[in-house]
């Protein structure tokens, strides 16, 4: 949710619908552009994170909270920045159920849906990782185990990746400890990268499940392309996102 749009997708999408010679839909293929992944870790004042974070919490049962090792949403950094959004989470249970039903209808398996939620929980936990230290940062929060449990990754490797820079120069491996602000930047970059990978995977799966069964179009097939993009943006304070959005719009 943004200040100007209660349901802004925050990415560009080109959808190509494929028809046969009789006008029946054979499938659809989507391409996505410019996902605003920075929104995962920071939002402008009065704006909200992506809807899926709030829907996720709205649909959690007590058993789910234990499974995903989550607390009250007000305790998690990626979602507690907007009080109105937090207050509205209990009202979104029906929307959570609708989301799960949509994933089922499209063709995602139960295992895939559970994996998606585990990755989402891992992203939330990684956003809560905190650091301290003077010249060398160290992880001081107690949730690194939850990050690794949900993402299925090694705890030692994650700690190394978030607190040290490892370079190989002329065959020799060197380490440099991050300072706290560098470790926080690394954490946020990792959160954004994982979210983008999950988003891209969902997009690719939708194309596999909804696309035409034949890889090549028949001579008699027809297509209709639908382009859904950001509007041009000009705020009081603009960032690199606005430059990318406006440039892409001009090129399109």
C-alpha atoms as a PDB file:
ATOM      1  CA  UNK A   1       0.000   0.000   0.000  1.00  0.00           C
ATOM      2  CA  UNK A   2       1.363   3.420  -0.990  1.00  0.00           C
ATOM      3  CA  UNK A   3       0.140   6.914  -0.232  1.00  0.00           C
ATOM      4  CA  UNK A   4      -1.429   7.122  -3.701  1.00  0.00           C
ATOM      5  CA  UNK A   5      -2.627   3.541  -4.237  1.00  0.00           C
ATOM      6  CA  UNK A   6      -4.047   1.034  -1.738  1.00  0.00           C
ATOM      7  CA  UNK A   7      -3.117  -1.887  -3.986  1.00  0.00           C
ATOM      8  CA  UNK A   8      -0.020  -1.005  -5.982  1.00  0.00           C
ATOM      9  CA  UNK A   9       1.847  -4.022  -7.408  1.00  0.00           C
ATOM     10  CA  UNK A  10       5.260  -2.254  -7.323  1.00  0.00           C
ATOM     11  CA  UNK A  11       6.563  -4.048 -10.402  1.00  0.00           C
ATOM     12  CA  UNK A  12       5.964  -3.857 -14.133  1.00  0.00           C
ATOM     13  CA  UNK A  13       4.330  -6.778 -15.930  1.00  0.00           C
ATOM     14  CA  UNK A  14       3.799  -7.726 -19.569  1.00  0.00           C
ATOM     15  CA  UNK A  15       1.213 -10.470 -20.089  1.00  0.00           C
ATOM     16  CA  UNK A  16       0.798 -12.196 -23.440  1.00  0.00           C
ATOM     17  CA  UNK A  17      -2.460 -14.129 -23.836  1.00  0.00           C
ATOM     18  CA  UNK A  18      -2.373 -16.799 -26.560  1.00  0.00           C
ATOM     19  CA  UNK A  19      -5.467 -17.747 -28.579  1.00  0.00           C
ATOM     20  CA  UNK A  20      -6.001 -20.501 -31.133  1.00  0.00           C
ATOM     21  CA  UNK A  21      -7.678 -19.996 -34.498  1.00  0.00           C
ATOM     22  CA  UNK A  22     -11.120 -20.408 -32.905  1.00  0.00           C
ATOM     23  CA  UNK A  23     -10.498 -17.678 -30.328  1.00  0.00           C
ATOM     24  CA  UNK A  24     -10.075 -20.047 -27.361  1.00  0.00           C
ATOM     25  CA  UNK A  25      -7.347 -19.211 -24.854  1.00  0.00           C
ATOM     26  CA  UNK A  26      -4.408 -21.643 -25.049  1.00  0.00           C
ATOM     27  CA  UNK A  27      -2.352 -20.083 -22.280  1.00  0.00           C
ATOM     28  CA  UNK A  28      -0.563 -16.993 -21.077  1.00  0.00           C
ATOM     29  CA  UNK A  29       3.031 -15.936 -20.516  1.00  0.00           C
ATOM     30  CA  UNK A  30       4.138 -13.131 -18.172  1.00  0.00           C
ATOM     31  CA  UNK A  31       7.320 -11.088 -17.910  1.00  0.00           C
ATOM     32  CA  UNK A  32       8.125  -8.918 -14.890  1.00  0.00           C
ATOM     33  CA  UNK A  33      10.247  -5.795 -14.599  1.00  0.00           C
ATOM     34  CA  UNK A  34      11.661  -3.591 -11.837  1.00  0.00           C
ATOM     35  CA  UNK A  35      10.369  -5.241  -8.680  1.00  0.00           C
ATOM     36  CA  UNK A  36      10.658  -2.618  -5.935  1.00  0.00           C
ATOM     37  CA  UNK A  37      12.543  -4.934  -3.596  1.00  0.00           C
ATOM     38  CA  UNK A  38      13.799  -2.030  -1.483  1.00  0.00           C
ATOM     39  CA  UNK A  39      10.246  -1.845  -0.072  1.00  0.00           C
ATOM     40  CA  UNK A  40      10.883  -5.104   1.790  1.00  0.00           C
ATOM     41  CA  UNK A  41      13.308  -3.388   4.194  1.00  0.00           C
ATOM     42  CA  UNK A  42      12.195   0.260   4.148  1.00  0.00           C
ATOM     43  CA  UNK A  43       9.004   2.132   3.312  1.00  0.00           C
ATOM     44  CA  UNK A  44       8.242   5.825   3.082  1.00  0.00           C
ATOM     45  CA  UNK A  45       6.326   7.360   5.980  1.00  0.00           C
ATOM     46  CA  UNK A  46       2.669   6.320   5.866  1.00  0.00           C
ATOM     47  CA  UNK A  47       3.299   3.466   3.416  1.00  0.00           C
ATOM     48  CA  UNK A  48       3.283  -0.283   3.968  1.00  0.00           C
ATOM     49  CA  UNK A  49       5.319  -3.322   3.022  1.00  0.00           C
ATOM     50  CA  UNK A  50       4.096  -5.816   0.438  1.00  0.00           C
ATOM     51  CA  UNK A  51       0.634  -7.198   1.258  1.00  0.00           C
ATOM     52  CA  UNK A  52       1.893 -10.780   1.513  1.00  0.00           C
ATOM     53  CA  UNK A  53       3.701 -10.093   4.812  1.00  0.00           C
ATOM     54  CA  UNK A  54       0.498  -8.947   6.526  1.00  0.00           C
ATOM     55  CA  UNK A  55      -1.584 -11.735   4.947  1.00  0.00           C
ATOM     56  CA  UNK A  56       0.988 -14.257   6.158  1.00  0.00           C
ATOM     57  CA  UNK A  57       0.546 -13.160   9.781  1.00  0.00           C
ATOM     58  CA  UNK A  58      -3.238 -12.961   9.383  1.00  0.00           C
ATOM     59  CA  UNK A  59      -3.418 -16.636   8.456  1.00  0.00           C
ATOM     60  CA  UNK A  60      -1.116 -18.020  11.151  1.00  0.00           C
ATOM     61  CA  UNK A  61      -2.570 -20.517  13.599  1.00  0.00           C
ATOM     62  CA  UNK A  62      -0.857 -21.228  16.926  1.00  0.00           C
ATOM     63  CA  UNK A  63       0.711 -24.313  15.338  1.00  0.00           C
ATOM     64  CA  UNK A  64       1.918 -22.221  12.390  1.00  0.00           C
ATOM     65  CA  UNK A  65       3.563 -19.700  14.734  1.00  0.00           C
ATOM     66  CA  UNK A  66       5.544 -22.530  16.307  1.00  0.00           C
ATOM     67  CA  UNK A  67       6.367 -24.041  12.908  1.00  0.00           C
ATOM     68  CA  UNK A  68       7.650 -20.757  11.486  1.00  0.00           C
ATOM     69  CA  UNK A  69       9.024 -19.565  14.878  1.00  0.00           C
ATOM     70  CA  UNK A  70       7.232 -16.226  14.611  1.00  0.00           C
ATOM     71  CA  UNK A  71       6.041 -13.862  17.335  1.00  0.00           C
ATOM     72  CA  UNK A  72       3.516 -11.049  17.291  1.00  0.00           C
ATOM     73  CA  UNK A  73       3.975  -8.993  14.080  1.00  0.00           C
ATOM     74  CA  UNK A  74       4.719  -5.909  16.199  1.00  0.00           C
ATOM     75  CA  UNK A  75       7.996  -7.618  17.180  1.00  0.00           C
ATOM     76  CA  UNK A  76       9.322  -8.072  13.633  1.00  0.00           C
ATOM     77  CA  UNK A  77      11.219  -5.217  11.978  1.00  0.00           C
ATOM     78  CA  UNK A  78      10.013  -5.768   8.406  1.00  0.00           C
ATOM     79  CA  UNK A  79       6.349  -5.339   9.331  1.00  0.00           C
ATOM     80  CA  UNK A  80       6.127  -3.197  12.465  1.00  0.00           C
ATOM     81  CA  UNK A  81       6.781   0.152  10.755  1.00  0.00           C
ATOM     82  CA  UNK A  82       3.127   1.008  10.085  1.00  0.00           C
ATOM     83  CA  UNK A  83       0.674   0.937  13.002  1.00  0.00           C
ATOM     84  CA  UNK A  84      -2.397   1.019  10.749  1.00  0.00           C
ATOM     85  CA  UNK A  85      -1.161  -2.034   8.862  1.00  0.00           C
ATOM     86  CA  UNK A  86      -0.568  -3.903  12.127  1.00  0.00           C
ATOM     87  CA  UNK A  87      -4.035  -3.035  13.403  1.00  0.00           C
ATOM     88  CA  UNK A  88      -5.633  -4.341  10.204  1.00  0.00           C
ATOM     89  CA  UNK A  89      -3.875  -7.728  10.164  1.00  0.00           C
ATOM     90  CA  UNK A  90      -6.722  -9.574  11.998  1.00  0.00           C
ATOM     91  CA  UNK A  91      -9.143  -8.318   9.320  1.00  0.00           C
ATOM     92  CA  UNK A  92      -7.163  -9.981   6.534  1.00  0.00           C
ATOM     93  CA  UNK A  93      -7.844 -13.646   7.334  1.00  0.00           C
ATOM     94  CA  UNK A  94     -10.262 -13.967   4.409  1.00  0.00           C
ATOM     95  CA  UNK A  95      -7.690 -12.445   2.051  1.00  0.00           C
ATOM     96  CA  UNK A  96      -5.086 -14.939   3.295  1.00  0.00           C
ATOM     97  CA  UNK A  97      -7.472 -17.790   2.587  1.00  0.00           C
ATOM     98  CA  UNK A  98      -8.175 -16.376  -0.878  1.00  0.00           C
ATOM     99  CA  UNK A  99      -4.437 -16.210  -1.585  1.00  0.00           C
ATOM    100  CA  UNK A 100      -3.955 -19.859  -0.594  1.00  0.00           C
ATOM    101  CA  UNK A 101      -6.907 -20.889  -2.770  1.00  0.00           C
ATOM    102  CA  UNK A 102      -5.506 -18.945  -5.735  1.00  0.00           C
ATOM    103  CA  UNK A 103      -2.160 -20.728  -5.403  1.00  0.00           C
ATOM    104  CA  UNK A 104      -4.022 -24.047  -5.338  1.00  0.00           C
ATOM    105  CA  UNK A 105      -6.121 -23.186  -8.403  1.00  0.00           C
ATOM    106  CA  UNK A 106      -3.053 -22.098 -10.397  1.00  0.00           C
ATOM    107  CA  UNK A 107      -1.453 -25.456  -9.611  1.00  0.00           C
ATOM    108  CA  UNK A 108       1.093 -24.964  -6.817  1.00  0.00           C
ATOM    109  CA  UNK A 109       1.461 -28.104  -4.720  1.00  0.00           C
ATOM    110  CA  UNK A 110       1.009 -28.186  -0.950  1.00  0.00           C
ATOM    111  CA  UNK A 111       4.759 -28.723  -0.547  1.00  0.00           C
ATOM    112  CA  UNK A 112       5.537 -25.714  -2.741  1.00  0.00           C
ATOM    113  CA  UNK A 113       3.120 -23.513  -0.807  1.00  0.00           C
ATOM    114  CA  UNK A 114       4.689 -24.555   2.504  1.00  0.00           C
ATOM    115  CA  UNK A 115       8.180 -23.905   1.107  1.00  0.00           C
ATOM    116  CA  UNK A 116       7.111 -20.426  -0.005  1.00  0.00           C
ATOM    117  CA  UNK A 117       5.871 -19.604   3.488  1.00  0.00           C
ATOM    118  CA  UNK A 118       9.047 -20.984   5.073  1.00  0.00           C
ATOM    119  CA  UNK A 119      11.160 -18.732   2.842  1.00  0.00           C
ATOM    120  CA  UNK A 120       8.923 -15.787   3.731  1.00  0.00           C
ATOM    121  CA  UNK A 121       9.371 -16.569   7.435  1.00  0.00           C
ATOM    122  CA  UNK A 122      13.126 -16.800   6.892  1.00  0.00           C
ATOM    123  CA  UNK A 123      13.113 -13.362   5.282  1.00  0.00           C
ATOM    124  CA  UNK A 124      11.221 -11.944   8.266  1.00  0.00           C
ATOM    125  CA  UNK A 125      13.671 -13.525  10.720  1.00  0.00           C
ATOM    126  CA  UNK A 126      16.699 -12.298   8.766  1.00  0.00           C
ATOM    127  CA  UNK A 127      15.290  -8.778   8.931  1.00  0.00           C
ATOM    128  CA  UNK A 128      15.399  -9.070  12.737  1.00  0.00           C
ATOM    129  CA  UNK A 129      19.106  -9.976  12.930  1.00  0.00           C
ATOM    130  CA  UNK A 130      20.985  -7.365  14.993  1.00  0.00           C
ATOM    131  CA  UNK A 131      24.695  -6.575  15.268  1.00  0.00           C
ATOM    132  CA  UNK A 132      27.065  -4.937  17.728  1.00  0.00           C
ATOM    133  CA  UNK A 133      30.786  -4.335  18.060  1.00  0.00           C
ATOM    134  CA  UNK A 134      33.369  -1.618  17.594  1.00  0.00           C
ATOM    135  CA  UNK A 135      35.764  -2.491  14.765  1.00  0.00           C
ATOM    136  CA  UNK A 136      34.294  -5.947  14.121  1.00  0.00           C
ATOM    137  CA  UNK A 137      30.568  -6.643  13.988  1.00  0.00           C
ATOM    138  CA  UNK A 138      29.058  -9.679  15.642  1.00  0.00           C
ATOM    139  CA  UNK A 139      25.515 -10.990  15.701  1.00  0.00           C
ATOM    140  CA  UNK A 140      23.898 -10.255  19.066  1.00  0.00           C
ATOM    141  CA  UNK A 141      20.280 -11.263  18.371  1.00  0.00           C
ATOM    142  CA  UNK A 142      19.168 -14.784  19.278  1.00  0.00           C
ATOM    143  CA  UNK A 143      17.240 -15.579  16.094  1.00  0.00           C
ATOM    144  CA  UNK A 144      19.961 -16.740  13.686  1.00  0.00           C
ATOM    145  CA  UNK A 145      18.850 -20.327  14.289  1.00  0.00           C
ATOM    146  CA  UNK A 146      15.326 -19.419  13.161  1.00  0.00           C
ATOM    147  CA  UNK A 147      16.697 -17.834   9.973  1.00  0.00           C
ATOM    148  CA  UNK A 148      18.583 -20.998   9.122  1.00  0.00           C
ATOM    149  CA  UNK A 149      15.757 -23.368  10.119  1.00  0.00           C
ATOM    150  CA  UNK A 150      13.300 -21.649   7.801  1.00  0.00           C
ATOM    151  CA  UNK A 151      15.686 -21.174   4.872  1.00  0.00           C
ATOM    152  CA  UNK A 152      17.362 -24.568   5.260  1.00  0.00           C
ATOM    153  CA  UNK A 153      20.898 -23.170   5.356  1.00  0.00           C
ATOM    154  CA  UNK A 154      23.985 -23.564   7.548  1.00  0.00           C
ATOM    155  CA  UNK A 155      24.217 -21.267  10.567  1.00  0.00           C
ATOM    156  CA  UNK A 156      28.014 -20.895  10.457  1.00  0.00           C
ATOM    157  CA  UNK A 157      27.949 -19.986   6.766  1.00  0.00           C
ATOM    158  CA  UNK A 158      25.236 -17.373   7.311  1.00  0.00           C
ATOM    159  CA  UNK A 159      27.081 -15.789  10.230  1.00  0.00           C
ATOM    160  CA  UNK A 160      30.239 -15.587   8.141  1.00  0.00           C
ATOM    161  CA  UNK A 161      28.379 -14.099   5.167  1.00  0.00           C
ATOM    162  CA  UNK A 162      26.708 -11.404   7.287  1.00  0.00           C
ATOM    163  CA  UNK A 163      29.740 -10.343   9.332  1.00  0.00           C
ATOM    164  CA  UNK A 164      32.773 -10.774   7.075  1.00  0.00           C
ATOM    165  CA  UNK A 165      33.909 -10.042   3.548  1.00  0.00           C
ATOM    166  CA  UNK A 166      35.774 -13.007   2.058  1.00  0.00           C
ATOM    167  CA  UNK A 167      37.990 -12.380  -0.977  1.00  0.00           C
ATOM    168  CA  UNK A 168      40.291 -14.645  -2.936  1.00  0.00           C
ATOM    169  CA  UNK A 169      43.293 -12.806  -4.358  1.00  0.00           C
ATOM    170  CA  UNK A 170      45.895 -14.765  -6.350  1.00  0.00           C
ATOM    171  CA  UNK A 171      44.666 -17.974  -4.808  1.00  0.00           C
ATOM    172  CA  UNK A 172      44.824 -16.710  -1.247  1.00  0.00           C
ATOM    173  CA  UNK A 173      41.669 -16.276   0.821  1.00  0.00           C
ATOM    174  CA  UNK A 174      41.441 -13.145   2.956  1.00  0.00           C
ATOM    175  CA  UNK A 175      38.769 -12.067   5.415  1.00  0.00           C
ATOM    176  CA  UNK A 176      37.793  -8.581   6.511  1.00  0.00           C
ATOM    177  CA  UNK A 177      35.330  -8.059   9.309  1.00  0.00           C
ATOM    178  CA  UNK A 178      32.384  -5.785   8.585  1.00  0.00           C
ATOM    179  CA  UNK A 179      31.653  -2.876  10.837  1.00  0.00           C
ATOM    180  CA  UNK A 180      28.096  -2.728  12.187  1.00  0.00           C
ATOM    181  CA  UNK A 181      26.674  -0.494   9.458  1.00  0.00           C
ATOM    182  CA  UNK A 182      28.246  -2.722   6.782  1.00  0.00           C
ATOM    183  CA  UNK A 183      26.791  -5.857   8.366  1.00  0.00           C
ATOM    184  CA  UNK A 184      23.355  -4.206   8.479  1.00  0.00           C
ATOM    185  CA  UNK A 185      23.664  -3.287   4.797  1.00  0.00           C
ATOM    186  CA  UNK A 186      24.647  -6.882   4.011  1.00  0.00           C
ATOM    187  CA  UNK A 187      21.662  -8.208   5.987  1.00  0.00           C
ATOM    188  CA  UNK A 188      19.234  -5.919   4.150  1.00  0.00           C
ATOM    189  CA  UNK A 189      20.773  -6.745   0.761  1.00  0.00           C
ATOM    190  CA  UNK A 190      20.371 -10.451   1.544  1.00  0.00           C
ATOM    191  CA  UNK A 191      16.731  -9.953   2.546  1.00  0.00           C
ATOM    192  CA  UNK A 192      16.006  -8.118  -0.719  1.00  0.00           C
ATOM    193  CA  UNK A 193      17.849 -10.691  -2.822  1.00  0.00           C
ATOM    194  CA  UNK A 194      16.027 -13.660  -1.276  1.00  0.00           C
ATOM    195  CA  UNK A 195      12.652 -11.946  -1.673  1.00  0.00           C
ATOM    196  CA  UNK A 196      13.406 -11.205  -5.341  1.00  0.00           C
ATOM    197  CA  UNK A 197      14.485 -14.809  -5.942  1.00  0.00           C
ATOM    198  CA  UNK A 198      11.247 -16.083  -4.375  1.00  0.00           C
ATOM    199  CA  UNK A 199       9.186 -13.616  -6.423  1.00  0.00           C
ATOM    200  CA  UNK A 200      10.939 -14.634  -9.653  1.00  0.00           C
ATOM    201  CA  UNK A 201      10.461 -18.324  -8.867  1.00  0.00           C
ATOM    202  CA  UNK A 202       6.710 -17.781  -8.340  1.00  0.00           C
ATOM    203  CA  UNK A 203       6.540 -15.904 -11.653  1.00  0.00           C
ATOM    204  CA  UNK A 204       8.357 -18.696 -13.496  1.00  0.00           C
ATOM    205  CA  UNK A 205       6.136 -21.346 -11.922  1.00  0.00           C
ATOM    206  CA  UNK A 206       3.026 -19.448 -13.007  1.00  0.00           C
ATOM    207  CA  UNK A 207       4.353 -19.380 -16.564  1.00  0.00           C
ATOM    208  CA  UNK A 208       4.964 -23.138 -16.466  1.00  0.00           C
ATOM    209  CA  UNK A 209       1.504 -23.840 -15.078  1.00  0.00           C
ATOM    210  CA  UNK A 210      -0.484 -21.343 -17.165  1.00  0.00           C
ATOM    211  CA  UNK A 211       1.479 -21.269 -20.404  1.00  0.00           C
ATOM    212  CA  UNK A 212       0.465 -22.981 -23.624  1.00  0.00           C
ATOM    213  CA  UNK A 213       1.405 -26.679 -23.785  1.00  0.00           C
ATOM    214  CA  UNK A 214       3.107 -26.192 -27.172  1.00  0.00           C
ATOM    215  CA  UNK A 215       6.386 -24.293 -27.005  1.00  0.00           C
ATOM    216  CA  UNK A 216       5.981 -22.791 -30.479  1.00  0.00           C
ATOM    217  CA  UNK A 217       2.980 -20.824 -31.691  1.00  0.00           C
ATOM    218  CA  UNK A 218       1.026 -22.277 -34.582  1.00  0.00           C
ATOM    219  CA  UNK A 219       0.700 -20.121 -37.694  1.00  0.00           C
ATOM    220  CA  UNK A 220      -2.983 -19.632 -36.895  1.00  0.00           C
ATOM    221  CA  UNK A 221      -2.426 -18.642 -33.240  1.00  0.00           C
ATOM    222  CA  UNK A 222      -2.968 -15.045 -32.169  1.00  0.00           C
ATOM    223  CA  UNK A 223      -1.796 -13.091 -29.135  1.00  0.00           C
ATOM    224  CA  UNK A 224      -2.897 -10.058 -27.171  1.00  0.00           C
ATOM    225  CA  UNK A 225      -0.266  -8.263 -25.082  1.00  0.00           C
ATOM    226  CA  UNK A 226      -1.200  -6.353 -21.928  1.00  0.00           C
ATOM    227  CA  UNK A 227       1.362  -4.005 -20.376  1.00  0.00           C
ATOM    228  CA  UNK A 228       0.929  -2.977 -16.733  1.00  0.00           C
ATOM    229  CA  UNK A 229       3.619  -0.541 -15.571  1.00  0.00           C
ATOM    230  CA  UNK A 230       4.291   2.082 -12.957  1.00  0.00           C
ATOM    231  CA  UNK A 231       3.040   5.587 -13.571  1.00  0.00           C
ATOM    232  CA  UNK A 232       5.709   8.253 -13.824  1.00  0.00           C
ATOM    233  CA  UNK A 233       6.868   9.234 -10.340  1.00  0.00           C
ATOM    234  CA  UNK A 234       8.112  12.551  -9.006  1.00  0.00           C
ATOM    235  CA  UNK A 235       8.222  12.953  -5.226  1.00  0.00           C
ATOM    236  CA  UNK A 236       9.573  15.599  -2.872  1.00  0.00           C
ATOM    237  CA  UNK A 237      12.594  13.311  -2.427  1.00  0.00           C
ATOM    238  CA  UNK A 238      13.365  10.928  -5.298  1.00  0.00           C
ATOM    239  CA  UNK A 239      15.654   7.900  -5.255  1.00  0.00           C
ATOM    240  CA  UNK A 240      17.261   5.539  -7.753  1.00  0.00           C
ATOM    241  CA  UNK A 241      13.922   3.694  -7.994  1.00  0.00           C
ATOM    242  CA  UNK A 242      12.236   6.738  -9.516  1.00  0.00           C
ATOM    243  CA  UNK A 243      15.025   7.094 -12.070  1.00  0.00           C
ATOM    244  CA  UNK A 244      14.666   3.440 -13.118  1.00  0.00           C
ATOM    245  CA  UNK A 245      10.863   3.602 -13.223  1.00  0.00           C
ATOM    246  CA  UNK A 246      10.712   6.793 -15.262  1.00  0.00           C
ATOM    247  CA  UNK A 247      13.440   5.686 -17.671  1.00  0.00           C
ATOM    248  CA  UNK A 248      11.735   2.327 -18.227  1.00  0.00           C
ATOM    249  CA  UNK A 249       8.427   4.082 -18.866  1.00  0.00           C
ATOM    250  CA  UNK A 250      10.015   6.365 -21.423  1.00  0.00           C
ATOM    251  CA  UNK A 251      11.636   3.433 -23.248  1.00  0.00           C
ATOM    252  CA  UNK A 252       8.379   1.434 -23.252  1.00  0.00           C
END
